[in-house]
Amino acid sequence: MANKEIKLGGYVVNESSFPYIIAEIGINHNGDIQIAKKLIDAANACLWDCVKFQKREPDIAVPEAQKNILRDTPWGRITYLEYKKKIEFGKEEYDYIDKYCNDKPIAWTASPWDIPSLEFLLDYDLPFLKIASASNSDKDLMRLACKSGKPLLVSTGMSTLEEIDELVGFLENFSDGNYILLHTNSEYPTPPADINLKMIKTLRDRYNCLVGYSGHEIDLEPTVVAVSLGAKVIERHVTLDHKMWGTDQAASLSVAAMAMLQGRMREILTMLGTGDKVITEKEQEVRKKLRGK
């Protein structure tokens, strides 16, 4: 049985908690630690809970068919494999990130895309591990992630319901229920017709677990609606500038939008209220005026 309360570092996520908000820096730093630092600063200033990166060993994680494809990059026309190596952070950068985030403080974590990357990340005191949609069928990676004892946030993009059934069965067997499923669509950016936010309720009802939302849309509305539908973790890609080079920049939030989203999430939860019927103080005044009592 999935746990209905998950502790992500010092933050307790349950059905009554305010959503835990993750700023997905991912690879939007383009291999530049100064860009990563500015995005960490922005997430912290906007009162988001965590920043997240992606960790790969490109020789392992890049599919063979993609490795030698040429593409234009800020480093010239190089192979896809070379590009992936250019933007990959190593120990020096992650040691810096670890210290910088701890000094803020703001939590940080990363998505491991292969076993060496997972082993690398486990050298740090991370509050949880994020499993990307592309990796949720990698049983060896998943088994080691479960064995770590850390909570797992698992995206369900690109997966059929039958595949999610299998995934949840695996998580129940190996993670002791210590997971949160994230609804997502893996198109970047995701068009509105493909977002399918009602899957949040489907996942929660089908698996009786905590559910979050990892959004790849351009605007804020789907994420706000996701919160109103019960998403208890929110993950959005973030960027300093949509015009920066990189495939994920267009589906990312600017710093101004990050600040707006935090406020709109709180506003929608305030508007939803408790579901208990009450006559507010101001409404009572109107009642006396119109009913006389």
Protein backbone atom coordinates (compact mmCIF):
# COMPACT_ATOMS: atom_id res chain seq x y z
CA MET A 1 0.00 0.00 0.00
CA ALA A 2 1.42 3.37 -1.02
CA ASN A 3 2.16 5.76 1.83
CA LYS A 4 -0.27 8.67 2.17
CA GLU A 5 2.43 10.78 3.79
CA ILE A 6 5.90 11.16 2.28
CA LYS A 7 8.74 13.14 3.82
CA LEU A 8 10.87 15.02 1.28
CA GLY A 9 13.72 16.25 3.44
CA GLY A 10 12.07 18.38 6.10
CA TYR A 11 8.83 18.81 4.12
CA VAL A 12 5.92 16.46 4.83
CA VAL A 13 3.71 15.85 1.81
CA ASN A 14 0.20 14.62 2.47
CA GLU A 15 -3.32 15.29 1.22
CA SER A 16 -3.65 18.48 3.28
CA SER A 17 -0.20 19.98 2.65
CA PHE A 18 0.55 22.85 0.29
CA PRO A 19 2.13 21.38 -2.86
CA TYR A 20 5.89 20.84 -2.80
CA ILE A 21 7.30 22.91 -5.68
CA ILE A 22 10.32 21.78 -7.71
CA ALA A 23 12.22 24.03 -10.11
CA GLU A 24 13.49 21.73 -12.85
CA ILE A 25 16.73 23.34 -14.00
CA GLY A 26 17.48 20.12 -15.87
CA ILE A 27 19.93 20.93 -18.64
CA ASN A 28 18.80 24.55 -19.07
CA HIS A 29 22.12 25.63 -17.56
CA ASN A 30 23.80 24.63 -20.87
CA GLY A 31 26.84 23.40 -18.97
CA ASP A 32 27.43 26.79 -17.27
CA ILE A 33 27.53 26.71 -13.47
CA GLN A 34 26.85 30.46 -13.33
CA ILE A 35 23.52 29.97 -15.11
CA ALA A 36 22.69 27.16 -12.69
CA LYS A 37 23.57 29.45 -9.78
CA LYS A 38 21.23 32.19 -11.04
CA LEU A 39 18.39 29.69 -11.40
CA ILE A 40 18.99 28.40 -7.87
CA ASP A 41 18.84 32.01 -6.66
CA ALA A 42 15.58 32.56 -8.54
CA ALA A 43 13.93 29.43 -7.14
CA ASN A 44 14.98 30.39 -3.63
CA ALA A 45 13.73 33.98 -4.04
CA CYS A 46 10.38 32.71 -5.33
CA LEU A 47 10.04 30.43 -2.27
CA TRP A 48 10.13 27.20 -4.24
CA ASP A 49 11.16 24.16 -2.24
CA CYS A 50 13.73 22.44 -4.42
CA VAL A 51 15.85 22.70 -7.55
CA LYS A 52 16.43 19.67 -9.73
CA PHE A 53 19.05 18.69 -12.29
CA GLN A 54 19.55 15.75 -14.65
CA LYS A 55 22.57 13.45 -14.37
CA ARG A 56 23.78 11.23 -17.20
CA GLU A 57 26.77 9.27 -18.36
CA PRO A 58 26.28 10.22 -22.04
CA ASP A 59 28.11 7.14 -23.37
CA ILE A 60 25.50 5.01 -21.58
CA ALA A 61 22.38 7.17 -21.60
CA VAL A 62 22.40 8.41 -25.21
CA PRO A 63 20.77 5.83 -27.53
CA GLU A 64 23.20 4.38 -30.09
CA ALA A 65 21.08 5.62 -33.00
CA GLN A 66 21.37 9.20 -31.71
CA LYS A 67 25.06 9.36 -30.82
CA ASN A 68 26.52 10.35 -34.19
CA ILE A 69 23.73 12.62 -35.42
CA LEU A 70 25.16 16.04 -36.14
CA ARG A 71 23.51 19.14 -34.74
CA ASP A 72 24.23 22.83 -34.56
CA THR A 73 25.15 23.94 -31.03
CA PRO A 74 26.81 26.91 -29.29
CA TRP A 75 30.04 24.89 -29.66
CA GLY A 76 29.63 24.50 -33.41
CA ARG A 77 28.31 21.58 -35.44
CA ILE A 78 29.06 18.51 -33.36
CA THR A 79 27.55 15.08 -32.73
CA TYR A 80 24.70 14.65 -30.31
CA LEU A 81 26.99 12.62 -28.03
CA GLU A 82 29.58 15.39 -27.97
CA TYR A 83 26.86 17.93 -27.20
CA LYS A 84 25.59 15.85 -24.29
CA LYS A 85 29.10 15.68 -22.87
CA LYS A 86 29.49 19.46 -23.18
CA ILE A 87 26.47 20.18 -21.01
CA GLU A 88 27.04 17.48 -18.39
CA PHE A 89 28.00 18.59 -14.87
CA GLY A 90 30.57 16.49 -13.00
CA LYS A 91 31.77 16.23 -9.40
CA GLU A 92 33.25 19.72 -9.26
CA GLU A 93 29.96 21.32 -10.33
CA TYR A 94 27.79 19.13 -8.10
CA ASP A 95 30.02 19.77 -5.09
CA TYR A 96 29.50 23.48 -5.77
CA ILE A 97 25.72 23.03 -6.18
CA ASP A 98 25.55 21.00 -2.96
CA LYS A 99 27.34 23.67 -0.91
CA TYR A 100 25.54 26.58 -2.59
CA CYS A 101 22.09 25.08 -1.96
CA ASN A 102 22.92 24.09 1.61
CA ASP A 103 24.05 27.65 2.33
CA LYS A 104 20.75 29.16 1.08
CA PRO A 105 19.18 26.81 2.21
CA ILE A 106 17.16 25.21 -0.59
CA ALA A 107 16.87 21.50 -1.34
CA TRP A 108 18.35 20.03 -4.52
CA THR A 109 18.16 16.71 -6.27
CA ALA A 110 18.56 15.21 -9.76
CA SER A 111 17.15 12.60 -12.11
CA PRO A 112 19.62 9.76 -12.72
CA TRP A 113 19.40 8.39 -16.25
CA ASP A 114 21.70 5.41 -15.71
CA ILE A 115 23.16 3.37 -12.86
CA PRO A 116 26.58 5.13 -12.65
CA SER A 117 24.72 8.46 -12.42
CA LEU A 118 22.51 7.10 -9.64
CA GLU A 119 25.54 5.83 -7.74
CA PHE A 120 27.16 9.25 -8.21
CA LEU A 121 24.12 11.06 -6.80
CA LEU A 122 23.88 8.78 -3.77
CA ASP A 123 27.14 10.28 -2.52
CA TYR A 124 25.08 13.40 -1.71
CA ASP A 125 22.45 13.79 1.00
CA LEU A 126 19.48 14.22 -1.33
CA PRO A 127 15.93 14.48 0.06
CA PHE A 128 14.54 12.25 -2.70
CA LEU A 129 15.27 10.86 -6.14
CA LYS A 130 13.31 11.78 -9.25
CA ILE A 131 12.79 9.09 -11.88
CA ALA A 132 12.12 10.54 -15.32
CA SER A 133 9.45 9.14 -17.62
CA ALA A 134 12.18 7.84 -19.92
CA SER A 135 13.63 5.75 -17.06
CA ASN A 136 10.57 4.38 -15.27
CA SER A 137 10.74 1.07 -17.18
CA ASP A 138 14.45 0.53 -16.43
CA LYS A 139 14.08 -2.17 -13.79
CA ASP A 140 17.78 -2.27 -12.84
CA LEU A 141 17.85 1.48 -12.26
CA MET A 142 14.51 1.40 -10.44
CA ARG A 143 15.59 -1.48 -8.21
CA LEU A 144 18.75 0.36 -7.13
CA ALA A 145 16.79 3.58 -6.58
CA CYS A 146 14.33 1.71 -4.35
CA LYS A 147 17.21 0.06 -2.49
CA SER A 148 18.60 3.52 -1.62
CA GLY A 149 15.73 3.99 0.82
CA LYS A 150 15.08 7.49 -0.49
CA PRO A 151 11.57 8.61 -1.46
CA LEU A 152 10.98 8.34 -5.19
CA LEU A 153 9.09 10.82 -7.37
CA VAL A 154 8.24 8.91 -10.54
CA SER A 155 6.94 10.53 -13.73
CA THR A 156 4.46 8.54 -15.81
CA GLY A 157 4.83 10.18 -19.24
CA MET A 158 4.98 8.00 -22.37
CA SER A 159 3.42 5.14 -20.36
CA THR A 160 0.23 3.17 -20.95
CA LEU A 161 -2.07 2.49 -18.01
CA GLU A 162 -0.97 -1.15 -18.14
CA GLU A 163 2.67 -0.06 -17.92
CA ILE A 164 1.85 2.17 -14.94
CA ASP A 165 0.11 -0.83 -13.31
CA GLU A 166 3.36 -2.75 -13.69
CA LEU A 167 5.40 0.21 -12.44
CA VAL A 168 3.26 0.62 -9.32
CA GLY A 169 3.45 -3.12 -8.64
CA PHE A 170 7.24 -2.87 -8.82
CA LEU A 171 7.28 0.16 -6.50
CA GLU A 172 5.00 -1.56 -4.01
CA ASN A 173 7.32 -4.57 -3.93
CA PHE A 174 10.64 -2.76 -3.71
CA SER A 175 10.10 0.77 -2.28
CA ASP A 176 7.86 -0.04 0.70
CA GLY A 177 5.29 2.40 -0.66
CA ASN A 178 7.72 5.31 -0.43
CA TYR A 179 6.81 7.00 -3.73
CA ILE A 180 4.72 9.71 -5.37
CA LEU A 181 3.49 9.36 -8.96
CA LEU A 182 3.67 12.43 -11.20
CA HIS A 183 1.25 12.82 -14.07
CA THR A 184 3.00 14.24 -17.12
CA ASN A 185 2.95 14.40 -20.89
CA SER A 186 6.45 14.24 -22.37
CA GLU A 187 5.86 16.59 -25.31
CA TYR A 188 7.96 19.78 -25.06
CA PRO A 189 5.98 22.01 -24.96
CA THR A 190 2.73 20.12 -24.38
CA PRO A 191 -0.28 21.46 -26.30
CA PRO A 192 -3.39 22.03 -24.15
CA ALA A 193 -5.37 19.24 -25.79
CA ASP A 194 -2.75 16.68 -24.76
CA ILE A 195 -2.30 17.64 -21.08
CA ASN A 196 -5.16 15.46 -19.76
CA LEU A 197 -5.21 16.76 -16.18
CA LYS A 198 -8.01 14.39 -15.18
CA MET A 199 -5.30 11.72 -15.04
CA ILE A 200 -4.35 13.16 -11.65
CA LYS A 201 -7.60 11.83 -10.20
CA THR A 202 -7.29 8.60 -12.20
CA LEU A 203 -3.85 7.90 -10.72
CA ARG A 204 -4.93 8.79 -7.18
CA ASP A 205 -8.07 6.65 -7.33
CA ARG A 206 -6.48 3.68 -9.12
CA TYR A 207 -3.37 3.42 -6.93
CA ASN A 208 -4.50 5.10 -3.69
CA CYS A 209 -1.29 7.14 -3.59
CA LEU A 210 -0.11 10.72 -3.49
CA VAL A 211 0.01 12.26 -6.96
CA GLY A 212 1.82 15.27 -8.40
CA TYR A 213 2.13 17.01 -11.74
CA SER A 214 5.20 17.61 -13.89
CA GLY A 215 4.16 20.16 -16.51
CA HIS A 216 5.78 20.92 -19.84
CA GLU A 217 3.23 23.45 -21.09
CA ILE A 218 4.05 27.05 -21.93
CA ASP A 219 1.66 28.86 -19.56
CA LEU A 220 0.54 28.68 -15.92
CA GLU A 221 -3.13 27.65 -16.12
CA PRO A 222 -2.66 23.87 -16.38
CA THR A 223 -0.42 23.82 -13.32
CA VAL A 224 -2.89 25.89 -11.31
CA VAL A 225 -5.71 23.54 -12.36
CA ALA A 226 -3.51 20.56 -11.43
CA VAL A 227 -3.25 21.96 -7.90
CA SER A 228 -7.03 22.36 -7.74
CA LEU A 229 -7.36 18.69 -8.77
CA GLY A 230 -5.17 17.52 -5.90
CA ALA A 231 -1.58 17.52 -7.19
CA LYS A 232 0.63 17.53 -4.09
CA VAL A 233 3.96 17.97 -5.90
CA ILE A 234 4.51 20.43 -8.74
CA GLU A 235 7.51 20.30 -11.04
CA ARG A 236 8.14 22.88 -13.76
CA HIS A 237 11.17 23.57 -15.94
CA VAL A 238 12.66 27.02 -15.33
CA THR A 239 14.82 29.30 -17.46
CA LEU A 240 16.51 32.68 -17.33
CA ASP A 241 15.35 33.45 -20.87
CA HIS A 242 13.18 31.54 -23.33
CA LYS A 243 15.50 32.68 -26.11
CA MET A 244 18.46 30.80 -24.65
CA TRP A 245 19.78 27.86 -26.64
CA GLY A 246 18.30 24.47 -25.72
CA THR A 247 15.33 22.26 -26.47
CA ASP A 248 13.71 22.66 -23.03
CA GLN A 249 13.78 26.47 -22.81
CA ALA A 250 10.44 27.00 -24.60
CA ALA A 251 8.55 24.77 -22.14
CA SER A 252 10.11 26.49 -19.13
CA LEU A 253 8.95 29.24 -16.79
CA SER A 254 10.76 32.56 -16.63
CA VAL A 255 11.70 33.93 -13.22
CA ALA A 256 8.70 36.30 -13.27
CA ALA A 257 6.38 33.38 -14.05
CA MET A 258 7.89 31.36 -11.20
CA ALA A 259 6.88 34.09 -8.76
CA MET A 260 3.41 34.33 -10.31
CA LEU A 261 2.81 30.58 -10.09
CA GLN A 262 3.53 30.43 -6.37
CA GLY A 263 0.93 33.16 -5.77
CA ARG A 264 -1.69 31.67 -8.07
CA MET A 265 -1.35 28.25 -6.44
CA ARG A 266 -2.06 29.77 -3.04
CA GLU A 267 -4.95 31.78 -4.48
CA ILE A 268 -6.68 28.76 -6.05
CA LEU A 269 -6.39 26.74 -2.84
CA THR A 270 -7.85 29.65 -0.87
CA MET A 271 -10.75 29.86 -3.33
CA LEU A 272 -11.44 26.13 -3.07
CA GLY A 273 -11.94 26.45 0.68
CA THR A 274 -12.76 23.52 2.94
CA GLY A 275 -16.04 22.23 1.52
CA ASP A 276 -17.82 23.00 4.80
CA LYS A 277 -20.86 25.26 4.43
CA VAL A 278 -20.38 28.41 6.47
CA ILE A 279 -21.92 31.86 6.48
CA THR A 280 -19.05 34.32 6.42
CA GLU A 281 -19.01 37.44 8.58
CA LYS A 282 -19.71 39.76 5.63
CA GLU A 283 -22.38 37.41 4.31
CA GLN A 284 -24.04 37.51 7.73
CA GLU A 285 -24.33 41.28 7.43
CA VAL A 286 -26.02 40.89 4.03
CA ARG A 287 -28.32 38.23 5.49
CA LYS A 288 -29.47 40.57 8.26
CA LYS A 289 -30.11 43.31 5.70
CA LEU A 290 -32.09 41.12 3.30
CA ARG A 291 -33.73 38.63 5.68
CA GLY A 292 -33.85 40.65 8.84
CA LYS A 293 -32.15 37.89 10.82
